[in-house]
Amino acid sequence: MERFGGEASLALYVGMTRLDNSSGQYTGTKNTRQVNTHARAAMMTAAARHIDYTPESKIYYDRKRAEGKSYNQAVRALGRHMVRVIWSMIKYERDYVHRS
């Protein structure tokens, strides 16, 4: 984990965020080429399954869909949130505790 400066670097590595590709007249994003494709596939699957088993994740996913995001964009947003949780768990050496 020392190779990542923060949770944003980890999220970029596992493909849960995109690079800014904006210029003076163009606003947009692009995929990065330095993504660990196995980690991205695992995170997308984990996020998609998390929606089925965790009510908070379902609410977050539904909110993203209501904002007009596609299925993959909404799952990636949930995956990004999960990366933040994973980063905090590792950084502060805490276990995951599900609130019921």
PDB file of N, CA and C in Angstrom:
ATOM      1  N   MET A   1       0.825  -1.197   0.000  1.00  0.00           N
ATOM      2  CA  MET A   1       0.000   0.000   0.000  1.00  0.00           C
ATOM      3  C   MET A   1       0.871   1.265   0.000  1.00  0.00           C
ATOM      4  N   GLU A   2       2.155   1.103   0.274  1.00  0.00           N
ATOM      5  CA  GLU A   2       3.033   2.267   0.304  1.00  0.00           C
ATOM      6  C   GLU A   2       3.156   2.934  -1.067  1.00  0.00           C
ATOM      7  N   ARG A   3       2.887   2.175  -2.124  1.00  0.00           N
ATOM      8  CA  ARG A   3       3.038   2.733  -3.465  1.00  0.00           C
ATOM      9  C   ARG A   3       1.935   3.713  -3.826  1.00  0.00           C
ATOM     10  N   PHE A   4       0.854   3.742  -3.053  1.00  0.00           N
ATOM     11  CA  PHE A   4      -0.254   4.651  -3.324  1.00  0.00           C
ATOM     12  C   PHE A   4      -0.174   5.833  -2.368  1.00  0.00           C
ATOM     13  N   GLY A   5      -0.255   7.036  -2.917  1.00  0.00           N
ATOM     14  CA  GLY A   5      -0.194   8.239  -2.098  1.00  0.00           C
ATOM     15  C   GLY A   5      -1.466   8.478  -1.300  1.00  0.00           C
ATOM     16  N   GLY A   6      -2.556   7.920  -1.748  1.00  0.00           N
ATOM     17  CA  GLY A   6      -3.834   8.102  -1.071  1.00  0.00           C
ATOM     18  C   GLY A   6      -4.881   7.209  -1.699  1.00  0.00           C
ATOM     19  N   GLU A   7      -6.108   7.377  -1.218  1.00  0.00           N
ATOM     20  CA  GLU A   7      -7.168   6.510  -1.708  1.00  0.00           C
ATOM     21  C   GLU A   7      -7.514   6.804  -3.158  1.00  0.00           C
ATOM     22  N   ALA A   8      -7.255   8.017  -3.626  1.00  0.00           N
ATOM     23  CA  ALA A   8      -7.521   8.339  -5.023  1.00  0.00           C
ATOM     24  C   ALA A   8      -6.585   7.561  -5.953  1.00  0.00           C
ATOM     25  N   SER A   9      -5.343   7.394  -5.535  1.00  0.00           N
ATOM     26  CA  SER A   9      -4.389   6.615  -6.331  1.00  0.00           C
ATOM     27  C   SER A   9      -4.800   5.147  -6.393  1.00  0.00           C
ATOM     28  N   LEU A  10      -5.252   4.614  -5.272  1.00  0.00           N
ATOM     29  CA  LEU A  10      -5.728   3.237  -5.240  1.00  0.00           C
ATOM     30  C   LEU A  10      -6.955   3.072  -6.134  1.00  0.00           C
ATOM     31  N   ALA A  11      -7.871   4.028  -6.074  1.00  0.00           N
ATOM     32  CA  ALA A  11      -9.082   3.974  -6.899  1.00  0.00           C
ATOM     33  C   ALA A  11      -8.730   4.024  -8.386  1.00  0.00           C
ATOM     34  N   LEU A  12      -7.752   4.812  -8.744  1.00  0.00           N
ATOM     35  CA  LEU A  12      -7.317   4.875 -10.137  1.00  0.00           C
ATOM     36  C   LEU A  12      -6.694   3.555 -10.564  1.00  0.00           C
ATOM     37  N   TYR A  13      -5.913   2.953  -9.692  1.00  0.00           N
ATOM     38  CA  TYR A  13      -5.242   1.685 -10.001  1.00  0.00           C
ATOM     39  C   TYR A  13      -6.241   0.552 -10.228  1.00  0.00           C
ATOM     40  N   VAL A  14      -7.301   0.526  -9.432  1.00  0.00           N
ATOM     41  CA  VAL A  14      -8.290  -0.550  -9.586  1.00  0.00           C
ATOM     42  C   VAL A  14      -9.417  -0.172 -10.547  1.00  0.00           C
ATOM     43  N   GLY A  15      -9.295   0.968 -11.207  1.00  0.00           N
ATOM     44  CA  GLY A  15     -10.241   1.345 -12.254  1.00  0.00           C
ATOM     45  C   GLY A  15     -11.573   1.860 -11.770  1.00  0.00           C
ATOM     46  N   MET A  16     -11.648   2.374 -10.559  1.00  0.00           N
ATOM     47  CA  MET A  16     -12.912   2.879 -10.034  1.00  0.00           C
ATOM     48  C   MET A  16     -13.046   4.386 -10.211  1.00  0.00           C
ATOM     49  N   THR A  17     -12.146   4.987 -10.961  1.00  0.00           N
ATOM     50  CA  THR A  17     -12.236   6.402 -11.290  1.00  0.00           C
ATOM     51  C   THR A  17     -11.641   6.609 -12.668  1.00  0.00           C
ATOM     52  N   ARG A  18     -11.902   7.741 -13.251  1.00  0.00           N
ATOM     53  CA  ARG A  18     -11.390   8.041 -14.588  1.00  0.00           C
ATOM     54  C   ARG A  18     -10.491   9.271 -14.514  1.00  0.00           C
ATOM     55  N   LEU A  19      -9.645   9.445 -15.512  1.00  0.00           N
ATOM     56  CA  LEU A  19      -8.749  10.598 -15.587  1.00  0.00           C
ATOM     57  C   LEU A  19      -9.463  11.780 -16.227  1.00  0.00           C
ATOM     58  N   ASP A  20      -9.160  12.973 -15.737  1.00  0.00           N
ATOM     59  CA  ASP A  20      -9.696  14.186 -16.338  1.00  0.00           C
ATOM     60  C   ASP A  20      -8.993  14.404 -17.675  1.00  0.00           C
ATOM     61  N   ASN A  21      -9.766  14.631 -18.716  1.00  0.00           N
ATOM     62  CA  ASN A  21      -9.215  14.840 -20.054  1.00  0.00           C
ATOM     63  C   ASN A  21      -9.711  16.158 -20.624  1.00  0.00           C
ATOM     64  N   SER A  22      -9.890  17.140 -19.757  1.00  0.00           N
ATOM     65  CA  SER A  22     -10.446  18.417 -20.174  1.00  0.00           C
ATOM     66  C   SER A  22      -9.353  19.342 -20.699  1.00  0.00           C
ATOM     67  N   SER A  23      -9.751  20.197 -21.630  1.00  0.00           N
ATOM     68  CA  SER A  23      -8.864  21.246 -22.123  1.00  0.00           C
ATOM     69  C   SER A  23      -9.633  22.557 -22.047  1.00  0.00           C
ATOM     70  N   GLY A  24      -9.184  23.559 -22.735  1.00  0.00           N
ATOM     71  CA  GLY A  24      -9.851  24.854 -22.675  1.00  0.00           C
ATOM     72  C   GLY A  24     -11.273  24.831 -23.184  1.00  0.00           C
ATOM     73  N   GLN A  25     -11.530  24.065 -24.235  1.00  0.00           N
ATOM     74  CA  GLN A  25     -12.865  24.051 -24.821  1.00  0.00           C
ATOM     75  C   GLN A  25     -13.603  22.731 -24.611  1.00  0.00           C
ATOM     76  N   TYR A  26     -12.887  21.687 -24.241  1.00  0.00           N
ATOM     77  CA  TYR A  26     -13.473  20.353 -24.114  1.00  0.00           C
ATOM     78  C   TYR A  26     -13.479  19.940 -22.650  1.00  0.00           C
ATOM     79  N   THR A  27     -14.593  19.358 -22.221  1.00  0.00           N
ATOM     80  CA  THR A  27     -14.688  18.819 -20.870  1.00  0.00           C
ATOM     81  C   THR A  27     -15.029  17.346 -20.977  1.00  0.00           C
ATOM     82  N   GLY A  28     -14.204  16.498 -20.375  1.00  0.00           N
ATOM     83  CA  GLY A  28     -14.467  15.075 -20.441  1.00  0.00           C
ATOM     84  C   GLY A  28     -13.463  14.273 -19.643  1.00  0.00           C
ATOM     85  N   THR A  29     -13.643  12.960 -19.670  1.00  0.00           N
ATOM     86  CA  THR A  29     -12.747  12.058 -18.952  1.00  0.00           C
ATOM     87  C   THR A  29     -12.347  10.921 -19.881  1.00  0.00           C
ATOM     88  N   LYS A  30     -11.345  10.167 -19.453  1.00  0.00           N
ATOM     89  CA  LYS A  30     -10.903   9.013 -20.217  1.00  0.00           C
ATOM     90  C   LYS A  30     -10.450   7.932 -19.256  1.00  0.00           C
ATOM     91  N   ASN A  31     -10.419   6.696 -19.758  1.00  0.00           N
ATOM     92  CA  ASN A  31      -9.898   5.591 -18.964  1.00  0.00           C
ATOM     93  C   ASN A  31      -8.388   5.680 -18.909  1.00  0.00           C
ATOM     94  N   THR A  32      -7.815   5.237 -17.815  1.00  0.00           N
ATOM     95  CA  THR A  32      -6.367   5.186 -17.717  1.00  0.00           C
ATOM     96  C   THR A  32      -5.873   3.842 -18.238  1.00  0.00           C
ATOM     97  N   ARG A  33      -4.651   3.812 -18.737  1.00  0.00           N
ATOM     98  CA  ARG A  33      -4.103   2.570 -19.267  1.00  0.00           C
ATOM     99  C   ARG A  33      -3.416   1.747 -18.191  1.00  0.00           C
ATOM    100  N   GLN A  34      -3.116   2.335 -17.046  1.00  0.00           N
ATOM    101  CA  GLN A  34      -2.402   1.641 -15.985  1.00  0.00           C
ATOM    102  C   GLN A  34      -3.334   0.997 -14.969  1.00  0.00           C
ATOM    103  N   VAL A  35      -4.459   0.491 -15.424  1.00  0.00           N
ATOM    104  CA  VAL A  35      -5.425  -0.150 -14.543  1.00  0.00           C
ATOM    105  C   VAL A  35      -5.105  -1.634 -14.424  1.00  0.00           C
ATOM    106  N   ASN A  36      -5.217  -2.151 -13.219  1.00  0.00           N
ATOM    107  CA  ASN A  36      -5.113  -3.587 -13.003  1.00  0.00           C
ATOM    108  C   ASN A  36      -6.471  -4.177 -13.392  1.00  0.00           C
ATOM    109  N   THR A  37      -6.522  -4.814 -14.544  1.00  0.00           N
ATOM    110  CA  THR A  37      -7.812  -5.268 -15.074  1.00  0.00           C
ATOM    111  C   THR A  37      -8.455  -6.344 -14.204  1.00  0.00           C
ATOM    112  N   HIS A  38      -7.649  -7.169 -13.572  1.00  0.00           N
ATOM    113  CA  HIS A  38      -8.205  -8.188 -12.678  1.00  0.00           C
ATOM    114  C   HIS A  38      -8.825  -7.534 -11.444  1.00  0.00           C
ATOM    115  N   ALA A  39      -8.154  -6.530 -10.906  1.00  0.00           N
ATOM    116  CA  ALA A  39      -8.689  -5.816  -9.738  1.00  0.00           C
ATOM    117  C   ALA A  39      -9.956  -5.059 -10.116  1.00  0.00           C
ATOM    118  N   ARG A  40      -9.977  -4.459 -11.318  1.00  0.00           N
ATOM    119  CA  ARG A  40     -11.177  -3.735 -11.749  1.00  0.00           C
ATOM    120  C   ARG A  40     -12.363  -4.688 -11.873  1.00  0.00           C
ATOM    121  N   ALA A  41     -12.140  -5.842 -12.484  1.00  0.00           N
ATOM    122  CA  ALA A  41     -13.224  -6.816 -12.630  1.00  0.00           C
ATOM    123  C   ALA A  41     -13.711  -7.294 -11.267  1.00  0.00           C
ATOM    124  N   ALA A  42     -12.786  -7.523 -10.352  1.00  0.00           N
ATOM    125  CA  ALA A  42     -13.165  -7.970  -9.008  1.00  0.00           C
ATOM    126  C   ALA A  42     -13.955  -6.893  -8.269  1.00  0.00           C
ATOM    127  N   MET A  43     -13.531  -5.623  -8.393  1.00  0.00           N
ATOM    128  CA  MET A  43     -14.242  -4.533  -7.713  1.00  0.00           C
ATOM    129  C   MET A  43     -15.624  -4.314  -8.315  1.00  0.00           C
ATOM    130  N   MET A  44     -15.745  -4.398  -9.626  1.00  0.00           N
ATOM    131  CA  MET A  44     -17.051  -4.224 -10.261  1.00  0.00           C
ATOM    132  C   MET A  44     -18.003  -5.342  -9.825  1.00  0.00           C
ATOM    133  N   THR A  45     -17.500  -6.573  -9.763  1.00  0.00           N
ATOM    134  CA  THR A  45     -18.329  -7.695  -9.316  1.00  0.00           C
ATOM    135  C   THR A  45     -18.703  -7.532  -7.851  1.00  0.00           C
ATOM    136  N   ALA A  46     -17.730  -7.151  -7.025  1.00  0.00           N
ATOM    137  CA  ALA A  46     -18.000  -6.969  -5.601  1.00  0.00           C
ATOM    138  C   ALA A  46     -19.024  -5.865  -5.373  1.00  0.00           C
ATOM    139  N   ALA A  47     -18.889  -4.759  -6.095  1.00  0.00           N
ATOM    140  CA  ALA A  47     -19.834  -3.654  -5.938  1.00  0.00           C
ATOM    141  C   ALA A  47     -21.236  -4.074  -6.396  1.00  0.00           C
ATOM    142  N   ALA A  48     -21.317  -4.784  -7.512  1.00  0.00           N
ATOM    143  CA  ALA A  48     -22.620  -5.231  -8.011  1.00  0.00           C
ATOM    144  C   ALA A  48     -23.287  -6.191  -7.033  1.00  0.00           C
ATOM    145  N   ARG A  49     -22.537  -7.086  -6.442  1.00  0.00           N
ATOM    146  CA  ARG A  49     -23.098  -8.023  -5.461  1.00  0.00           C
ATOM    147  C   ARG A  49     -23.423  -7.320  -4.145  1.00  0.00           C
ATOM    148  N   HIS A  50     -22.661  -6.297  -3.813  1.00  0.00           N
ATOM    149  CA  HIS A  50     -22.893  -5.545  -2.581  1.00  0.00           C
ATOM    150  C   HIS A  50     -24.257  -4.874  -2.607  1.00  0.00           C
ATOM    151  N   ILE A  51     -24.700  -4.492  -3.798  1.00  0.00           N
ATOM    152  CA  ILE A  51     -26.019  -3.872  -3.956  1.00  0.00           C
ATOM    153  C   ILE A  51     -27.113  -4.838  -3.513  1.00  0.00           C
ATOM    154  N   ASP A  52     -26.936  -6.113  -3.816  1.00  0.00           N
ATOM    155  CA  ASP A  52     -27.951  -7.114  -3.491  1.00  0.00           C
ATOM    156  C   ASP A  52     -28.037  -7.432  -2.004  1.00  0.00           C
ATOM    157  N   TYR A  53     -26.937  -7.266  -1.284  1.00  0.00           N
ATOM    158  CA  TYR A  53     -26.881  -7.725   0.106  1.00  0.00           C
ATOM    159  C   TYR A  53     -26.817  -6.618   1.151  1.00  0.00           C
ATOM    160  N   THR A  54     -26.596  -5.378   0.734  1.00  0.00           N
ATOM    161  CA  THR A  54     -26.472  -4.288   1.697  1.00  0.00           C
ATOM    162  C   THR A  54     -27.461  -3.179   1.344  1.00  0.00           C
ATOM    163  N   PRO A  55     -28.421  -2.911   2.213  1.00  0.00           N
ATOM    164  CA  PRO A  55     -29.436  -1.893   1.902  1.00  0.00           C
ATOM    165  C   PRO A  55     -28.854  -0.500   1.646  1.00  0.00           C
ATOM    166  N   GLU A  56     -27.793  -0.130   2.379  1.00  0.00           N
ATOM    167  CA  GLU A  56     -27.177   1.181   2.174  1.00  0.00           C
ATOM    168  C   GLU A  56     -26.600   1.300   0.766  1.00  0.00           C
ATOM    169  N   SER A  57     -26.012   0.218   0.289  1.00  0.00           N
ATOM    170  CA  SER A  57     -25.443   0.222  -1.058  1.00  0.00           C
ATOM    171  C   SER A  57     -26.541   0.315  -2.108  1.00  0.00           C
ATOM    172  N   LYS A  58     -27.653  -0.343  -1.863  1.00  0.00           N
ATOM    173  CA  LYS A  58     -28.793  -0.280  -2.778  1.00  0.00           C
ATOM    174  C   LYS A  58     -29.328   1.149  -2.859  1.00  0.00           C
ATOM    175  N   ILE A  59     -29.419   1.816  -1.725  1.00  0.00           N
ATOM    176  CA  ILE A  59     -29.889   3.207  -1.695  1.00  0.00           C
ATOM    177  C   ILE A  59     -28.924   4.101  -2.465  1.00  0.00           C
ATOM    178  N   TYR A  60     -27.611   3.923  -2.251  1.00  0.00           N
ATOM    179  CA  TYR A  60     -26.587   4.704  -2.951  1.00  0.00           C
ATOM    180  C   TYR A  60     -26.678   4.465  -4.460  1.00  0.00           C
ATOM    181  N   TYR A  61     -26.790   3.211  -4.851  1.00  0.00           N
ATOM    182  CA  TYR A  61     -26.907   2.849  -6.269  1.00  0.00           C
ATOM    183  C   TYR A  61     -28.156   3.477  -6.884  1.00  0.00           C
ATOM    184  N   ASP A  62     -29.290   3.353  -6.203  1.00  0.00           N
ATOM    185  CA  ASP A  62     -30.533   3.929  -6.717  1.00  0.00           C
ATOM    186  C   ASP A  62     -30.435   5.442  -6.859  1.00  0.00           C
ATOM    187  N   ARG A  63     -29.762   6.095  -5.929  1.00  0.00           N
ATOM    188  CA  ARG A  63     -29.584   7.546  -5.999  1.00  0.00           C
ATOM    189  C   ARG A  63     -28.755   7.918  -7.238  1.00  0.00           C
ATOM    190  N   LYS A  64     -27.703   7.154  -7.511  1.00  0.00           N
ATOM    191  CA  LYS A  64     -26.873   7.422  -8.686  1.00  0.00           C
ATOM    192  C   LYS A  64     -27.657   7.191  -9.973  1.00  0.00           C
ATOM    193  N   ARG A  65     -28.481   6.149 -10.000  1.00  0.00           N
ATOM    194  CA  ARG A  65     -29.309   5.887 -11.180  1.00  0.00           C
ATOM    195  C   ARG A  65     -30.324   7.015 -11.380  1.00  0.00           C
ATOM    196  N   ALA A  66     -30.873   7.540 -10.276  1.00  0.00           N
ATOM    197  CA  ALA A  66     -31.829   8.646 -10.359  1.00  0.00           C
ATOM    198  C   ALA A  66     -31.161   9.920 -10.883  1.00  0.00           C
ATOM    199  N   GLU A  67     -29.835  10.042 -10.676  1.00  0.00           N
ATOM    200  CA  GLU A  67     -29.090  11.188 -11.208  1.00  0.00           C
ATOM    201  C   GLU A  67     -28.868  11.067 -12.709  1.00  0.00           C
ATOM    202  N   GLY A  68     -29.233   9.921 -13.286  1.00  0.00           N
ATOM    203  CA  GLY A  68     -29.097   9.734 -14.722  1.00  0.00           C
ATOM    204  C   GLY A  68     -27.885   8.925 -15.143  1.00  0.00           C
ATOM    205  N   LYS A  69     -27.178   8.333 -14.184  1.00  0.00           N
ATOM    206  CA  LYS A  69     -26.007   7.527 -14.518  1.00  0.00           C
ATOM    207  C   LYS A  69     -26.439   6.166 -15.054  1.00  0.00           C
ATOM    208  N   SER A  70     -25.616   5.607 -15.935  1.00  0.00           N
ATOM    209  CA  SER A  70     -25.889   4.277 -16.456  1.00  0.00           C
ATOM    210  C   SER A  70     -25.574   3.246 -15.377  1.00  0.00           C
ATOM    211  N   TYR A  71     -25.917   1.986 -15.660  1.00  0.00           N
ATOM    212  CA  TYR A  71     -25.647   0.912 -14.698  1.00  0.00           C
ATOM    213  C   TYR A  71     -24.167   0.852 -14.342  1.00  0.00           C
ATOM    214  N   ASN A  72     -23.300   0.813 -15.346  1.00  0.00           N
ATOM    215  CA  ASN A  72     -21.866   0.714 -15.081  1.00  0.00           C
ATOM    216  C   ASN A  72     -21.332   1.931 -14.336  1.00  0.00           C
ATOM    217  N   GLN A  73     -21.805   3.119 -14.665  1.00  0.00           N
ATOM    218  CA  GLN A  73     -21.370   4.320 -13.962  1.00  0.00           C
ATOM    219  C   GLN A  73     -21.800   4.283 -12.499  1.00  0.00           C
ATOM    220  N   ALA A  74     -23.015   3.835 -12.244  1.00  0.00           N
ATOM    221  CA  ALA A  74     -23.505   3.761 -10.866  1.00  0.00           C
ATOM    222  C   ALA A  74     -22.747   2.705 -10.065  1.00  0.00           C
ATOM    223  N   VAL A  75     -22.469   1.564 -10.676  1.00  0.00           N
ATOM    224  CA  VAL A  75     -21.703   0.522  -9.977  1.00  0.00           C
ATOM    225  C   VAL A  75     -20.277   1.001  -9.731  1.00  0.00           C
ATOM    226  N   ARG A  76     -19.678   1.705 -10.706  1.00  0.00           N
ATOM    227  CA  ARG A  76     -18.331   2.243 -10.520  1.00  0.00           C
ATOM    228  C   ARG A  76     -18.310   3.282  -9.391  1.00  0.00           C
ATOM    229  N   ALA A  77     -19.359   4.094  -9.285  1.00  0.00           N
ATOM    230  CA  ALA A  77     -19.442   5.072  -8.202  1.00  0.00           C
ATOM    231  C   ALA A  77     -19.506   4.366  -6.847  1.00  0.00           C
ATOM    232  N   LEU A  78     -20.275   3.284  -6.775  1.00  0.00           N
ATOM    233  CA  LEU A  78     -20.332   2.501  -5.544  1.00  0.00           C
ATOM    234  C   LEU A  78     -18.976   1.860  -5.263  1.00  0.00           C
ATOM    235  N   GLY A  79     -18.317   1.361  -6.309  1.00  0.00           N
ATOM    236  CA  GLY A  79     -16.976   0.793  -6.144  1.00  0.00           C
ATOM    237  C   GLY A  79     -15.993   1.827  -5.635  1.00  0.00           C
ATOM    238  N   ARG A  80     -16.115   3.052  -6.106  1.00  0.00           N
ATOM    239  CA  ARG A  80     -15.243   4.146  -5.633  1.00  0.00           C
ATOM    240  C   ARG A  80     -15.460   4.383  -4.153  1.00  0.00           C
ATOM    241  N   HIS A  81     -16.720   4.351  -3.746  1.00  0.00           N
ATOM    242  CA  HIS A  81     -17.036   4.520  -2.329  1.00  0.00           C
ATOM    243  C   HIS A  81     -16.452   3.360  -1.515  1.00  0.00           C
ATOM    244  N   MET A  82     -16.537   2.156  -2.059  1.00  0.00           N
ATOM    245  CA  MET A  82     -15.981   0.990  -1.362  1.00  0.00           C
ATOM    246  C   MET A  82     -14.459   1.092  -1.244  1.00  0.00           C
ATOM    247  N   VAL A  83     -13.798   1.673  -2.246  1.00  0.00           N
ATOM    248  CA  VAL A  83     -12.338   1.881  -2.166  1.00  0.00           C
ATOM    249  C   VAL A  83     -12.012   2.825  -1.012  1.00  0.00           C
ATOM    250  N   ARG A  84     -12.829   3.857  -0.818  1.00  0.00           N
ATOM    251  CA  ARG A  84     -12.614   4.767   0.318  1.00  0.00           C
ATOM    252  C   ARG A  84     -12.702   4.012   1.639  1.00  0.00           C
ATOM    253  N   VAL A  85     -13.675   3.118   1.743  1.00  0.00           N
ATOM    254  CA  VAL A  85     -13.847   2.323   2.968  1.00  0.00           C
ATOM    255  C   VAL A  85     -12.654   1.395   3.164  1.00  0.00           C
ATOM    256  N   ILE A  86     -12.242   0.712   2.103  1.00  0.00           N
ATOM    257  CA  ILE A  86     -11.099  -0.205   2.186  1.00  0.00           C
ATOM    258  C   ILE A  86      -9.841   0.548   2.577  1.00  0.00           C
ATOM    259  N   TRP A  87      -9.627   1.720   1.974  1.00  0.00           N
ATOM    260  CA  TRP A  87      -8.438   2.526   2.293  1.00  0.00           C
ATOM    261  C   TRP A  87      -8.435   2.914   3.776  1.00  0.00           C
ATOM    262  N   SER A  88      -9.572   3.341   4.279  1.00  0.00           N
ATOM    263  CA  SER A  88      -9.665   3.720   5.696  1.00  0.00           C
ATOM    264  C   SER A  88      -9.433   2.526   6.609  1.00  0.00           C
ATOM    265  N   MET A  89      -9.955   1.367   6.228  1.00  0.00           N
ATOM    266  CA  MET A  89      -9.741   0.160   7.031  1.00  0.00           C
ATOM    267  C   MET A  89      -8.259  -0.172   7.120  1.00  0.00           C
ATOM    268  N   ILE A  90      -7.554  -0.072   6.012  1.00  0.00           N
ATOM    269  CA  ILE A  90      -6.127  -0.392   6.006  1.00  0.00           C
ATOM    270  C   ILE A  90      -5.328   0.687   6.732  1.00  0.00           C
ATOM    271  N   LYS A  91      -5.631   1.941   6.448  1.00  0.00           N
ATOM    272  CA  LYS A  91      -4.879   3.058   7.039  1.00  0.00           C
ATOM    273  C   LYS A  91      -5.011   3.091   8.555  1.00  0.00           C
ATOM    274  N   TYR A  92      -6.219   2.898   9.054  1.00  0.00           N
ATOM    275  CA  TYR A  92      -6.457   2.991  10.504  1.00  0.00           C
ATOM    276  C   TYR A  92      -6.491   1.631  11.183  1.00  0.00           C
ATOM    277  N   GLU A  93      -6.192   0.568  10.429  1.00  0.00           N
ATOM    278  CA  GLU A  93      -6.132  -0.806  10.961  1.00  0.00           C
ATOM    279  C   GLU A  93      -7.409  -1.167  11.709  1.00  0.00           C
ATOM    280  N   ARG A  94      -8.532  -0.994  11.029  1.00  0.00           N
ATOM    281  CA  ARG A  94      -9.826  -1.295  11.621  1.00  0.00           C
ATOM    282  C   ARG A  94     -10.492  -2.408  10.838  1.00  0.00           C
ATOM    283  N   ASP A  95     -11.374  -3.125  11.506  1.00  0.00           N
ATOM    284  CA  ASP A  95     -12.184  -4.146  10.858  1.00  0.00           C
ATOM    285  C   ASP A  95     -13.452  -3.496  10.307  1.00  0.00           C
ATOM    286  N   TYR A  96     -14.035  -4.136   9.295  1.00  0.00           N
ATOM    287  CA  TYR A  96     -15.279  -3.661   8.755  1.00  0.00           C
ATOM    288  C   TYR A  96     -16.404  -4.039   9.695  1.00  0.00           C
ATOM    289  N   VAL A  97     -17.203  -3.059  10.074  1.00  0.00           N
ATOM    290  CA  VAL A  97     -18.341  -3.303  10.947  1.00  0.00           C
ATOM    291  C   VAL A  97     -19.584  -2.840  10.212  1.00  0.00           C
ATOM    292  N   HIS A  98     -20.464  -3.775   9.948  1.00  0.00           N
ATOM    293  CA  HIS A  98     -21.711  -3.454   9.268  1.00  0.00           C
ATOM    294  C   HIS A  98     -22.707  -2.911  10.270  1.00  0.00           C
ATOM    295  N   ARG A  99     -23.223  -1.725   9.990  1.00  0.00           N
ATOM    296  CA  ARG A  99     -24.244  -1.143  10.868  1.00  0.00           C
ATOM    297  C   ARG A  99     -25.592  -1.776  10.550  1.00  0.00           C
ATOM    298  N   SER A 100     -26.282  -2.273  11.579  1.00  0.00           N
ATOM    299  CA  SER A 100     -27.583  -2.885  11.313  1.00  0.00           C
ATOM    300  C   SER A 100     -28.724  -2.002  11.736  1.00  0.00           C
TER     301      SER A 100
END
